[in-house]
């Protein structure tokens, strides 16, 4: 089992904290894309 965390690279205090718990930095790339929801919720008819 593996736990992955995502932290902002400039947040040294958080990085140091997780390193003290045994986590290590991996040279992976995290990619993301914000998308607009395309779900239409119909209104209830009375």
C-alpha atoms as a PDB file:
ATOM      1  CA  UNK A   1       0.000   0.000   0.000  1.00  0.00           C
ATOM      2  CA  UNK A   2       1.203   3.532  -0.705  1.00  0.00           C
ATOM      3  CA  UNK A   3      -0.004   6.953   0.391  1.00  0.00           C
ATOM      4  CA  UNK A   4       0.644   9.916  -1.927  1.00  0.00           C
ATOM      5  CA  UNK A   5       0.494  13.527  -0.777  1.00  0.00           C
ATOM      6  CA  UNK A   6       0.441  16.694  -2.823  1.00  0.00           C
ATOM      7  CA  UNK A   7       1.889  19.804  -1.246  1.00  0.00           C
ATOM      8  CA  UNK A   8       2.962  23.151  -2.652  1.00  0.00           C
ATOM      9  CA  UNK A   9       6.697  22.886  -3.358  1.00  0.00           C
ATOM     10  CA  UNK A  10       7.413  26.235  -1.690  1.00  0.00           C
ATOM     11  CA  UNK A  11       5.854  25.076   1.612  1.00  0.00           C
ATOM     12  CA  UNK A  12       9.088  23.985   3.306  1.00  0.00           C
ATOM     13  CA  UNK A  13       7.561  23.572   6.776  1.00  0.00           C
ATOM     14  CA  UNK A  14       5.000  21.050   5.520  1.00  0.00           C
ATOM     15  CA  UNK A  15       7.659  19.255   3.463  1.00  0.00           C
ATOM     16  CA  UNK A  16       9.916  19.016   6.528  1.00  0.00           C
ATOM     17  CA  UNK A  17       7.021  17.757   8.657  1.00  0.00           C
ATOM     18  CA  UNK A  18       6.153  14.911   6.287  1.00  0.00           C
ATOM     19  CA  UNK A  19       9.827  14.023   5.804  1.00  0.00           C
ATOM     20  CA  UNK A  20      10.038  13.608   9.595  1.00  0.00           C
ATOM     21  CA  UNK A  21       7.244  11.028   9.284  1.00  0.00           C
ATOM     22  CA  UNK A  22       9.186   9.038   6.677  1.00  0.00           C
ATOM     23  CA  UNK A  23       7.789  10.498   3.448  1.00  0.00           C
ATOM     24  CA  UNK A  24      10.201  11.263   0.609  1.00  0.00           C
ATOM     25  CA  UNK A  25      10.019  13.478  -2.463  1.00  0.00           C
ATOM     26  CA  UNK A  26       9.511  11.624  -5.737  1.00  0.00           C
ATOM     27  CA  UNK A  27      10.351  13.067  -9.163  1.00  0.00           C
ATOM     28  CA  UNK A  28       6.837  12.629 -10.541  1.00  0.00           C
ATOM     29  CA  UNK A  29       4.730  15.160 -12.361  1.00  0.00           C
ATOM     30  CA  UNK A  30       1.228  15.892 -11.133  1.00  0.00           C
ATOM     31  CA  UNK A  31      -1.103  17.165 -13.822  1.00  0.00           C
ATOM     32  CA  UNK A  32      -4.559  18.609 -13.371  1.00  0.00           C
ATOM     33  CA  UNK A  33      -7.251  20.352 -15.343  1.00  0.00           C
ATOM     34  CA  UNK A  34     -10.196  22.322 -14.045  1.00  0.00           C
ATOM     35  CA  UNK A  35     -13.383  21.605 -15.922  1.00  0.00           C
ATOM     36  CA  UNK A  36     -16.770  23.193 -15.792  1.00  0.00           C
ATOM     37  CA  UNK A  37     -19.537  20.879 -14.635  1.00  0.00           C
ATOM     38  CA  UNK A  38     -21.779  19.792 -17.481  1.00  0.00           C
ATOM     39  CA  UNK A  39     -24.548  18.289 -15.392  1.00  0.00           C
ATOM     40  CA  UNK A  40     -27.992  19.823 -15.752  1.00  0.00           C
ATOM     41  CA  UNK A  41     -30.293  19.213 -12.794  1.00  0.00           C
ATOM     42  CA  UNK A  42     -33.913  19.606 -13.847  1.00  0.00           C
ATOM     43  CA  UNK A  43     -36.160  21.679 -11.628  1.00  0.00           C
ATOM     44  CA  UNK A  44     -38.904  19.889  -9.708  1.00  0.00           C
ATOM     45  CA  UNK A  45     -42.375  20.360 -11.171  1.00  0.00           C
ATOM     46  CA  UNK A  46     -45.147  21.122  -8.678  1.00  0.00           C
END
